[in-house]
N, C-alpha and C. Protein backbone atom coordinates (compact mmCIF):
# COMPACT_ATOMS: atom_id res chain seq x y z
N MET A 1 100.90 99.69 136.09
CA MET A 1 100.62 99.64 134.68
C MET A 1 101.25 100.83 133.97
N LYS A 2 101.17 102.02 134.63
CA LYS A 2 101.72 103.23 134.04
C LYS A 2 103.24 103.09 133.86
N ASN A 3 103.90 102.49 134.83
CA ASN A 3 105.36 102.31 134.74
C ASN A 3 105.72 101.38 133.59
N ILE A 4 104.91 100.36 133.35
CA ILE A 4 105.17 99.43 132.25
C ILE A 4 105.07 100.16 130.91
N LYS A 5 104.06 101.02 130.78
CA LYS A 5 103.91 101.79 129.55
C LYS A 5 105.10 102.70 129.32
N ILE A 6 105.56 103.37 130.37
CA ILE A 6 106.72 104.26 130.26
C ILE A 6 107.96 103.46 129.90
N LEU A 7 108.16 102.31 130.53
CA LEU A 7 109.30 101.45 130.24
C LEU A 7 109.27 100.98 128.78
N MET A 8 108.10 100.55 128.30
CA MET A 8 107.97 100.08 126.93
C MET A 8 108.26 101.22 125.94
N MET A 9 107.78 102.42 126.24
CA MET A 9 108.04 103.56 125.37
C MET A 9 109.53 103.88 125.34
N ALA A 10 110.19 103.83 126.48
CA ALA A 10 111.62 104.09 126.54
C ALA A 10 112.40 103.05 125.75
N MET A 11 112.00 101.79 125.84
CA MET A 11 112.67 100.73 125.09
C MET A 11 112.47 100.93 123.58
N LEU A 12 111.28 101.33 123.18
CA LEU A 12 111.00 101.56 121.77
C LEU A 12 111.84 102.70 121.23
N VAL A 13 111.90 103.81 121.97
CA VAL A 13 112.70 104.96 121.53
C VAL A 13 114.17 104.59 121.45
N SER A 14 114.68 103.85 122.42
CA SER A 14 116.10 103.49 122.38
C SER A 14 116.39 102.51 121.25
N ALA A 15 115.48 101.60 120.98
CA ALA A 15 115.68 100.66 119.88
C ALA A 15 115.71 101.40 118.55
N ILE A 16 114.84 102.35 118.38
CA ILE A 16 114.81 103.13 117.14
C ILE A 16 116.07 103.98 117.03
N SER A 17 116.45 104.62 118.11
CA SER A 17 117.62 105.51 118.09
C SER A 17 118.91 104.77 117.77
N PHE A 18 119.09 103.59 118.32
CA PHE A 18 120.35 102.87 118.15
C PHE A 18 120.34 101.95 116.93
N ASN A 19 119.21 101.76 116.29
CA ASN A 19 119.16 100.90 115.12
C ASN A 19 119.06 101.66 113.81
N CYS A 20 118.98 102.97 113.87
CA CYS A 20 118.95 103.76 112.65
C CYS A 20 120.36 103.83 112.08
N SER A 21 120.44 103.79 110.79
CA SER A 21 121.74 103.82 110.14
C SER A 21 121.96 105.18 109.50
N ASN A 22 123.15 105.69 109.64
CA ASN A 22 123.52 106.93 108.99
C ASN A 22 124.75 106.63 108.13
N ASP A 23 124.59 105.69 107.19
CA ASP A 23 125.72 105.23 106.40
C ASP A 23 125.90 105.98 105.09
N ASP A 24 125.23 107.11 104.94
CA ASP A 24 125.36 107.85 103.69
C ASP A 24 126.38 108.99 103.78
N ASP A 25 127.10 109.09 104.88
CA ASP A 25 128.05 110.18 105.05
C ASP A 25 129.18 110.14 104.04
N ASN A 26 129.58 108.96 103.59
CA ASN A 26 130.71 108.84 102.68
C ASN A 26 130.29 108.71 101.22
N THR A 27 129.01 108.88 100.93
CA THR A 27 128.53 108.77 99.57
C THR A 27 128.85 110.05 98.82
N VAL A 28 129.49 109.90 97.68
CA VAL A 28 129.84 111.06 96.86
C VAL A 28 128.77 111.20 95.79
N VAL A 29 128.15 112.36 95.74
CA VAL A 29 127.15 112.64 94.73
C VAL A 29 127.69 113.75 93.85
N ALA A 30 127.84 113.42 92.58
CA ALA A 30 128.36 114.42 91.66
C ALA A 30 127.30 115.51 91.45
N PRO A 31 127.71 116.77 91.48
CA PRO A 31 126.73 117.84 91.25
C PRO A 31 126.19 117.76 89.83
N ASN A 32 124.89 118.02 89.71
CA ASN A 32 124.21 118.01 88.41
C ASN A 32 124.38 116.70 87.65
N SER A 33 124.49 115.60 88.37
CA SER A 33 124.70 114.32 87.70
C SER A 33 123.42 113.80 87.04
N GLY A 34 122.26 114.25 87.47
CA GLY A 34 121.00 113.80 86.87
C GLY A 34 120.63 112.41 87.32
N PRO A 35 119.45 111.97 86.98
CA PRO A 35 119.00 110.65 87.41
C PRO A 35 119.71 109.54 86.65
N ASP A 36 119.79 108.39 87.27
CA ASP A 36 120.41 107.22 86.66
C ASP A 36 119.32 106.29 86.15
N PHE A 37 119.20 106.15 84.84
CA PHE A 37 118.17 105.31 84.25
C PHE A 37 118.73 103.96 83.80
N SER A 38 119.92 103.62 84.24
CA SER A 38 120.46 102.32 83.88
C SER A 38 119.76 101.25 84.70
N GLY A 39 119.77 100.06 84.22
CA GLY A 39 119.14 98.97 84.94
C GLY A 39 117.83 98.56 84.31
N THR A 40 117.16 97.66 84.95
CA THR A 40 115.89 97.14 84.45
C THR A 40 114.78 97.60 85.38
N TYR A 41 113.74 98.15 84.78
CA TYR A 41 112.61 98.63 85.56
C TYR A 41 111.37 97.85 85.17
N ALA A 42 110.50 97.63 86.12
CA ALA A 42 109.25 96.92 85.86
C ALA A 42 108.09 97.76 86.38
N GLN A 43 107.05 97.85 85.59
CA GLN A 43 105.87 98.58 86.02
C GLN A 43 105.11 97.74 87.04
N ASN A 44 104.76 98.35 88.16
CA ASN A 44 104.06 97.63 89.21
C ASN A 44 102.64 98.11 89.45
N ASP A 45 102.30 99.29 88.96
CA ASP A 45 100.97 99.82 89.22
C ASP A 45 100.57 100.79 88.13
N GLN A 46 99.27 100.86 87.88
CA GLN A 46 98.70 101.84 86.96
C GLN A 46 97.58 102.54 87.68
N MET A 47 97.52 103.84 87.54
CA MET A 47 96.47 104.58 88.20
C MET A 47 96.16 105.84 87.40
N GLY A 48 95.83 105.66 86.13
CA GLY A 48 95.47 106.79 85.30
C GLY A 48 94.23 107.49 85.82
N ARG A 49 93.29 106.70 86.27
CA ARG A 49 92.06 107.23 86.86
C ARG A 49 91.98 106.71 88.29
N PRO A 50 92.11 107.57 89.26
CA PRO A 50 92.11 107.13 90.66
C PRO A 50 90.90 106.28 91.00
N ALA A 51 91.13 105.22 91.74
CA ALA A 51 90.11 104.32 92.28
C ALA A 51 89.53 103.35 91.27
N VAL A 52 89.66 103.59 89.97
CA VAL A 52 89.07 102.70 88.97
C VAL A 52 89.70 101.33 89.05
N ASN A 53 91.02 101.27 89.01
CA ASN A 53 91.74 100.01 89.11
C ASN A 53 91.40 99.33 90.44
N THR A 54 91.40 100.08 91.49
CA THR A 54 91.13 99.54 92.82
C THR A 54 89.76 98.89 92.92
N VAL A 55 88.76 99.50 92.32
CA VAL A 55 87.38 99.03 92.44
C VAL A 55 87.03 97.93 91.44
N PHE A 56 87.45 98.07 90.20
CA PHE A 56 86.93 97.20 89.15
C PHE A 56 87.81 96.02 88.77
N VAL A 57 89.06 96.00 89.19
CA VAL A 57 89.92 94.87 88.87
C VAL A 57 89.91 93.90 90.04
N SER A 58 89.54 92.67 89.77
CA SER A 58 89.50 91.65 90.81
C SER A 58 90.90 91.43 91.39
N ALA A 59 90.96 91.09 92.66
CA ALA A 59 92.24 90.94 93.36
C ALA A 59 93.19 89.98 92.64
N SER A 60 92.68 88.91 92.11
CA SER A 60 93.53 87.93 91.45
C SER A 60 94.09 88.43 90.12
N SER A 61 93.57 89.53 89.60
CA SER A 61 94.02 90.05 88.30
C SER A 61 94.79 91.36 88.41
N LYS A 62 95.03 91.86 89.62
CA LYS A 62 95.70 93.16 89.80
C LYS A 62 97.05 93.21 89.10
N ASN A 63 97.91 92.22 89.33
CA ASN A 63 99.25 92.27 88.74
C ASN A 63 99.18 92.24 87.22
N THR A 64 98.30 91.43 86.67
CA THR A 64 98.16 91.36 85.23
C THR A 64 97.68 92.69 84.67
N PHE A 65 96.65 93.26 85.30
CA PHE A 65 96.13 94.56 84.85
C PHE A 65 97.23 95.62 84.89
N ASN A 66 97.95 95.67 85.99
CA ASN A 66 98.96 96.71 86.17
C ASN A 66 100.12 96.62 85.19
N THR A 67 100.32 95.48 84.58
CA THR A 67 101.42 95.34 83.63
C THR A 67 100.93 95.20 82.18
N THR A 68 99.63 95.31 81.97
CA THR A 68 99.08 95.27 80.61
C THR A 68 99.13 96.67 80.02
N ILE A 69 99.63 96.77 78.80
CA ILE A 69 99.71 98.10 78.19
C ILE A 69 98.29 98.60 77.91
N PRO A 70 98.05 99.88 78.05
CA PRO A 70 96.70 100.43 77.92
C PRO A 70 95.97 100.04 76.64
N SER A 71 96.67 99.94 75.52
CA SER A 71 95.99 99.61 74.27
C SER A 71 95.40 98.20 74.28
N GLN A 72 95.80 97.37 75.22
CA GLN A 72 95.28 96.00 75.32
C GLN A 72 94.33 95.80 76.50
N GLN A 73 94.20 96.80 77.35
CA GLN A 73 93.39 96.66 78.56
C GLN A 73 91.90 96.48 78.26
N ASN A 74 91.35 97.21 77.31
CA ASN A 74 89.92 97.11 77.05
C ASN A 74 89.53 95.70 76.66
N THR A 75 90.26 95.12 75.74
CA THR A 75 89.97 93.76 75.29
C THR A 75 90.11 92.76 76.43
N ALA A 76 91.14 92.93 77.24
CA ALA A 76 91.42 91.97 78.31
C ALA A 76 90.54 92.13 79.54
N PHE A 77 90.07 93.36 79.83
CA PHE A 77 89.43 93.58 81.13
C PHE A 77 88.03 94.18 81.10
N GLN A 78 87.53 94.61 79.96
CA GLN A 78 86.22 95.27 79.93
C GLN A 78 85.13 94.38 80.51
N SER A 79 85.12 93.10 80.17
CA SER A 79 84.05 92.22 80.69
C SER A 79 84.14 92.08 82.21
N MET A 80 85.35 92.05 82.77
CA MET A 80 85.52 92.00 84.23
C MET A 80 84.99 93.29 84.85
N PHE A 81 85.32 94.42 84.24
CA PHE A 81 84.83 95.71 84.73
C PHE A 81 83.30 95.72 84.73
N GLU A 82 82.71 95.26 83.64
CA GLU A 82 81.24 95.28 83.54
C GLU A 82 80.61 94.36 84.57
N THR A 83 81.15 93.17 84.74
CA THR A 83 80.64 92.24 85.75
C THR A 83 80.71 92.86 87.13
N ASN A 84 81.85 93.48 87.45
CA ASN A 84 82.01 94.08 88.78
C ASN A 84 81.13 95.32 88.95
N LEU A 85 80.96 96.11 87.88
CA LEU A 85 80.09 97.29 87.95
C LEU A 85 78.64 96.88 88.21
N THR A 86 78.13 95.93 87.45
CA THR A 86 76.72 95.54 87.61
C THR A 86 76.47 94.84 88.95
N ALA A 87 77.48 94.18 89.48
CA ALA A 87 77.33 93.56 90.81
C ALA A 87 77.39 94.60 91.92
N LEU A 88 78.14 95.67 91.69
CA LEU A 88 78.36 96.70 92.71
C LEU A 88 77.29 97.77 92.74
N SER A 89 76.83 98.20 91.58
CA SER A 89 75.97 99.38 91.53
C SER A 89 74.52 99.06 91.20
N PRO A 90 73.62 99.48 92.09
CA PRO A 90 72.19 99.31 91.79
C PRO A 90 71.73 100.20 90.63
N ALA A 91 72.55 101.18 90.25
CA ALA A 91 72.19 102.06 89.14
C ALA A 91 72.21 101.33 87.79
N TYR A 92 72.83 100.16 87.75
CA TYR A 92 72.90 99.37 86.52
C TYR A 92 72.18 98.02 86.70
N ALA A 93 71.21 97.97 87.59
CA ALA A 93 70.53 96.72 87.92
C ALA A 93 69.67 96.18 86.77
N ASN A 94 69.18 97.06 85.93
CA ASN A 94 68.28 96.63 84.85
C ASN A 94 68.96 96.81 83.49
N PRO A 95 68.67 95.90 82.57
CA PRO A 95 69.23 96.07 81.22
C PRO A 95 68.81 97.44 80.67
N GLY A 96 69.74 98.12 80.05
CA GLY A 96 69.45 99.44 79.48
C GLY A 96 69.66 100.59 80.43
N ASP A 97 69.92 100.31 81.71
CA ASP A 97 70.20 101.41 82.65
C ASP A 97 71.44 102.16 82.18
N GLU A 98 71.43 103.47 82.37
CA GLU A 98 72.53 104.32 81.93
C GLU A 98 72.99 105.24 83.05
N ASN A 99 74.18 105.79 82.90
CA ASN A 99 74.66 106.76 83.87
C ASN A 99 74.32 108.17 83.38
N ALA A 100 74.79 109.17 84.08
CA ALA A 100 74.46 110.56 83.75
C ALA A 100 74.98 110.98 82.38
N LEU A 101 75.91 110.22 81.82
CA LEU A 101 76.45 110.52 80.50
C LEU A 101 75.66 109.81 79.40
N GLY A 102 74.65 109.02 79.78
CA GLY A 102 73.88 108.26 78.81
C GLY A 102 74.59 106.99 78.37
N GLN A 103 75.51 106.50 79.18
CA GLN A 103 76.26 105.29 78.85
C GLN A 103 75.70 104.10 79.62
N ASP A 104 75.46 103.00 78.91
CA ASP A 104 75.06 101.77 79.60
C ASP A 104 76.32 101.14 80.20
N ALA A 105 76.15 100.04 80.92
CA ALA A 105 77.27 99.42 81.63
C ALA A 105 78.41 99.04 80.69
N ALA A 106 78.08 98.47 79.52
CA ALA A 106 79.12 98.04 78.59
C ALA A 106 79.91 99.23 78.04
N THR A 107 79.23 100.29 77.69
CA THR A 107 79.90 101.48 77.14
C THR A 107 80.76 102.14 78.20
N PHE A 108 80.20 102.29 79.41
CA PHE A 108 80.93 102.94 80.49
C PHE A 108 82.18 102.15 80.88
N THR A 109 82.04 100.83 81.04
CA THR A 109 83.21 100.04 81.43
C THR A 109 84.21 99.93 80.28
N GLY A 110 83.74 100.04 79.04
CA GLY A 110 84.67 100.10 77.92
C GLY A 110 85.54 101.34 78.00
N LEU A 111 84.97 102.43 78.46
CA LEU A 111 85.73 103.67 78.66
C LEU A 111 86.70 103.52 79.82
N LEU A 112 86.25 102.92 80.92
CA LEU A 112 87.07 102.82 82.12
C LEU A 112 88.19 101.79 82.03
N ALA A 113 87.97 100.72 81.26
CA ALA A 113 88.94 99.62 81.24
C ALA A 113 90.30 100.02 80.69
N THR A 114 90.35 101.04 79.88
CA THR A 114 91.63 101.57 79.41
C THR A 114 92.05 102.64 80.41
N ASP A 115 92.93 102.27 81.33
CA ASP A 115 93.27 103.12 82.47
C ASP A 115 94.36 104.12 82.12
N VAL A 116 93.94 105.18 81.47
CA VAL A 116 94.86 106.26 81.11
C VAL A 116 94.25 107.59 81.53
N LEU A 117 95.08 108.57 81.69
CA LEU A 117 94.60 109.92 81.95
C LEU A 117 94.61 110.65 80.61
N ASN A 118 93.44 110.83 80.04
CA ASN A 118 93.34 111.54 78.76
C ASN A 118 93.70 113.00 78.98
N LEU A 119 94.08 113.67 77.91
CA LEU A 119 94.47 115.05 78.01
C LEU A 119 94.11 115.79 76.73
N SER A 120 93.39 116.88 76.89
CA SER A 120 93.06 117.74 75.76
C SER A 120 94.15 118.79 75.64
N LEU A 121 94.78 118.84 74.48
CA LEU A 121 95.85 119.82 74.27
C LEU A 121 95.32 121.18 73.84
N ASP A 122 94.05 121.22 73.42
CA ASP A 122 93.53 122.49 72.91
C ASP A 122 92.17 122.86 73.46
N GLY A 123 91.77 122.25 74.55
CA GLY A 123 90.47 122.56 75.13
C GLY A 123 90.54 122.62 76.64
N THR A 124 89.39 122.53 77.25
CA THR A 124 89.28 122.58 78.70
C THR A 124 89.89 121.33 79.32
N THR A 125 90.65 121.50 80.38
CA THR A 125 91.22 120.38 81.11
C THR A 125 90.30 120.10 82.30
N SER A 126 89.64 118.96 82.24
CA SER A 126 88.71 118.62 83.31
C SER A 126 88.48 117.12 83.36
N PHE A 127 88.34 116.59 84.56
CA PHE A 127 87.96 115.19 84.70
C PHE A 127 86.51 115.05 84.27
N TYR A 128 85.68 115.94 84.74
CA TYR A 128 84.30 116.08 84.26
C TYR A 128 83.74 117.35 84.88
N ASP A 129 83.30 118.26 84.04
CA ASP A 129 82.76 119.53 84.52
C ASP A 129 81.32 119.75 84.10
N GLY A 130 80.64 118.70 83.69
CA GLY A 130 79.27 118.82 83.22
C GLY A 130 79.19 118.79 81.71
N THR A 131 80.28 119.15 81.06
CA THR A 131 80.35 119.14 79.59
C THR A 131 81.55 118.32 79.12
N ASN A 132 82.71 118.65 79.63
CA ASN A 132 83.96 117.99 79.22
C ASN A 132 84.21 116.76 80.09
N LEU A 133 84.41 115.64 79.45
CA LEU A 133 84.65 114.38 80.16
C LEU A 133 86.02 113.84 79.83
N LEU A 134 86.81 113.61 80.86
CA LEU A 134 88.12 112.99 80.73
C LEU A 134 89.01 113.71 79.71
N THR A 135 89.05 115.02 79.82
CA THR A 135 89.93 115.82 78.97
C THR A 135 91.17 116.24 79.74
N GLY A 136 91.42 115.60 80.83
CA GLY A 136 92.55 115.90 81.70
C GLY A 136 92.07 115.92 83.12
N ARG A 137 92.83 116.58 83.96
CA ARG A 137 92.45 116.64 85.35
C ARG A 137 93.05 117.89 85.98
N ALA A 138 92.21 118.80 86.36
CA ALA A 138 92.68 120.00 87.07
C ALA A 138 92.85 119.64 88.54
N LEU A 139 93.71 120.36 89.24
CA LEU A 139 93.97 120.06 90.65
C LEU A 139 92.69 120.07 91.48
N ALA A 140 91.80 120.98 91.21
CA ALA A 140 90.60 121.12 92.03
C ALA A 140 89.47 120.18 91.63
N ASP A 141 89.64 119.39 90.56
CA ASP A 141 88.59 118.46 90.16
C ASP A 141 88.31 117.45 91.26
N ASP A 142 87.04 117.26 91.56
CA ASP A 142 86.64 116.30 92.58
C ASP A 142 86.48 114.93 91.91
N VAL A 143 87.60 114.30 91.62
CA VAL A 143 87.64 113.08 90.82
C VAL A 143 86.82 111.95 91.46
N ILE A 144 86.95 111.73 92.73
CA ILE A 144 86.26 110.61 93.37
C ILE A 144 84.75 110.84 93.34
N THR A 145 84.27 112.04 93.61
CA THR A 145 82.83 112.29 93.53
C THR A 145 82.32 112.09 92.10
N VAL A 146 83.06 112.55 91.10
CA VAL A 146 82.65 112.33 89.71
C VAL A 146 82.54 110.84 89.44
N GLU A 147 83.53 110.06 89.85
CA GLU A 147 83.47 108.62 89.63
C GLU A 147 82.28 108.00 90.35
N LEU A 148 82.02 108.44 91.58
CA LEU A 148 80.87 107.91 92.32
C LEU A 148 79.56 108.25 91.63
N ILE A 149 79.45 109.47 91.11
CA ILE A 149 78.23 109.86 90.39
C ILE A 149 78.03 108.97 89.16
N LEU A 150 79.09 108.75 88.40
CA LEU A 150 78.98 107.95 87.19
C LEU A 150 78.75 106.47 87.48
N ILE A 151 79.21 106.00 88.60
CA ILE A 151 79.02 104.59 88.97
C ILE A 151 77.66 104.37 89.63
N PHE A 152 77.29 105.23 90.58
CA PHE A 152 76.09 105.00 91.38
C PHE A 152 74.93 105.93 91.09
N GLY A 153 75.18 107.04 90.41
CA GLY A 153 74.16 108.07 90.24
C GLY A 153 73.04 107.76 89.28
N GLY A 154 73.23 106.78 88.41
CA GLY A 154 72.19 106.45 87.44
C GLY A 154 71.97 107.57 86.45
N GLU A 155 70.83 107.51 85.76
CA GLU A 155 70.51 108.49 84.72
C GLU A 155 70.43 109.91 85.27
N THR A 156 70.05 110.03 86.51
CA THR A 156 69.92 111.35 87.13
C THR A 156 71.13 111.65 88.01
N GLY A 157 72.27 111.10 87.65
CA GLY A 157 73.47 111.18 88.48
C GLY A 157 73.85 112.55 88.95
N LEU A 158 73.68 113.55 88.13
CA LEU A 158 74.12 114.88 88.53
C LEU A 158 73.25 115.46 89.63
N THR A 159 72.03 114.98 89.77
CA THR A 159 71.21 115.42 90.89
C THR A 159 71.33 114.45 92.06
N MET A 160 72.01 113.34 91.83
CA MET A 160 72.28 112.32 92.84
C MET A 160 71.02 111.81 93.52
N SER A 161 69.92 111.73 92.80
CA SER A 161 68.68 111.29 93.43
C SER A 161 68.52 109.77 93.43
N GLU A 162 69.22 109.06 92.56
CA GLU A 162 69.02 107.61 92.48
C GLU A 162 69.66 106.87 93.65
N ASN A 163 70.88 107.17 93.99
CA ASN A 163 71.59 106.56 95.11
C ASN A 163 72.39 107.64 95.85
N PRO A 164 71.70 108.58 96.50
CA PRO A 164 72.39 109.75 97.05
C PRO A 164 73.48 109.42 98.07
N GLY A 165 73.31 108.37 98.85
CA GLY A 165 74.32 108.03 99.85
C GLY A 165 75.60 107.49 99.25
N LEU A 166 75.54 107.07 97.98
CA LEU A 166 76.70 106.49 97.33
C LEU A 166 77.32 107.40 96.28
N SER A 167 76.74 108.55 96.05
CA SER A 167 77.14 109.39 94.92
C SER A 167 78.00 110.58 95.28
N ASP A 168 78.53 110.64 96.48
CA ASP A 168 79.38 111.77 96.87
C ASP A 168 80.31 111.32 97.98
N ASP A 169 81.57 111.72 97.88
CA ASP A 169 82.52 111.39 98.95
C ASP A 169 82.49 112.42 100.07
N ASN A 170 81.72 113.51 99.88
CA ASN A 170 81.54 114.56 100.87
C ASN A 170 82.85 115.27 101.25
N VAL A 171 83.80 115.26 100.34
CA VAL A 171 85.02 116.05 100.50
C VAL A 171 84.96 117.11 99.42
N SER A 172 84.69 118.35 99.82
CA SER A 172 84.41 119.39 98.83
C SER A 172 85.59 120.29 98.51
N ALA A 173 86.71 120.14 99.22
CA ALA A 173 87.86 121.01 98.96
C ALA A 173 89.13 120.35 99.47
N ASN A 174 90.24 120.83 98.97
CA ASN A 174 91.54 120.39 99.44
C ASN A 174 91.73 120.87 100.88
N ASP A 175 92.59 120.22 101.64
CA ASP A 175 92.80 120.64 103.02
C ASP A 175 93.56 121.96 103.12
N LYS A 176 94.28 122.33 102.06
CA LYS A 176 94.98 123.61 101.99
C LYS A 176 94.71 124.23 100.63
N PRO A 177 94.62 125.54 100.54
CA PRO A 177 94.38 126.16 99.23
C PRO A 177 95.56 125.91 98.28
N PHE A 178 95.25 125.77 97.00
CA PHE A 178 96.31 125.64 96.00
C PHE A 178 97.01 126.98 95.83
N LEU A 179 98.25 126.93 95.39
CA LEU A 179 99.02 128.15 95.15
C LEU A 179 98.66 128.72 93.78
N ASN A 180 98.88 130.01 93.59
CA ASN A 180 98.58 130.67 92.32
C ASN A 180 99.70 130.55 91.31
N SER A 181 100.85 130.03 91.73
CA SER A 181 101.97 129.86 90.81
C SER A 181 102.59 128.48 91.02
N PHE A 182 103.45 128.09 90.09
CA PHE A 182 104.08 126.79 90.15
C PHE A 182 104.80 126.63 91.47
N PRO A 183 104.69 125.53 92.14
CA PRO A 183 104.19 124.22 91.75
C PRO A 183 102.69 124.01 92.01
N TYR A 184 101.96 125.03 92.38
CA TYR A 184 100.52 125.04 92.58
C TYR A 184 100.05 124.25 93.80
N LEU A 185 100.72 123.18 94.13
CA LEU A 185 100.34 122.40 95.31
C LEU A 185 100.84 123.10 96.57
N ALA A 186 100.02 123.11 97.59
CA ALA A 186 100.44 123.70 98.85
C ALA A 186 101.50 122.83 99.50
N SER A 187 102.31 123.41 100.35
CA SER A 187 103.33 122.63 101.03
C SER A 187 102.65 121.63 101.97
N PRO A 188 103.30 120.50 102.21
CA PRO A 188 102.69 119.53 103.13
C PRO A 188 102.49 120.14 104.51
N TRP A 189 101.62 119.56 105.26
CA TRP A 189 101.29 120.04 106.59
C TRP A 189 102.49 120.61 107.24
């Protein structure tokens, strides 16, 4: 059995080695030529707010959502978002239930259905810091935990007492520290 595994690994390595193409040797790239924006481009995905599209847009509507301009998303998708939110979260099980921001299901999904990353040009940049909501996104913002708190946390979301097992992703920091200067992101592993 061990010999078969070694043989299969050798075949895999040789197949990869001999099937890779190195056909870019004769490509001439003009220095400082800049990007080429000619041609036709199509938008395939929207992700202004991470995980929102993934969770609240039904599979059969993904392509439509991803190509709908943000100014039309609320009208087209808010009711789908609300239906999916109330089916998913026990924090909105009763009429009048609200999240930690004091928003009922209709108000909250109205905010979420327009999938854009808002940005404050003259204030605090934060996904949510307890005061500022969707005024941008700092690198260290725990976006997924904030979304989980607002979806599952109920009125007491910030204390996570209503659905504690669903209100935190339990990832409290980046795997590498951010840099103090541009580009701020740590180098990949």
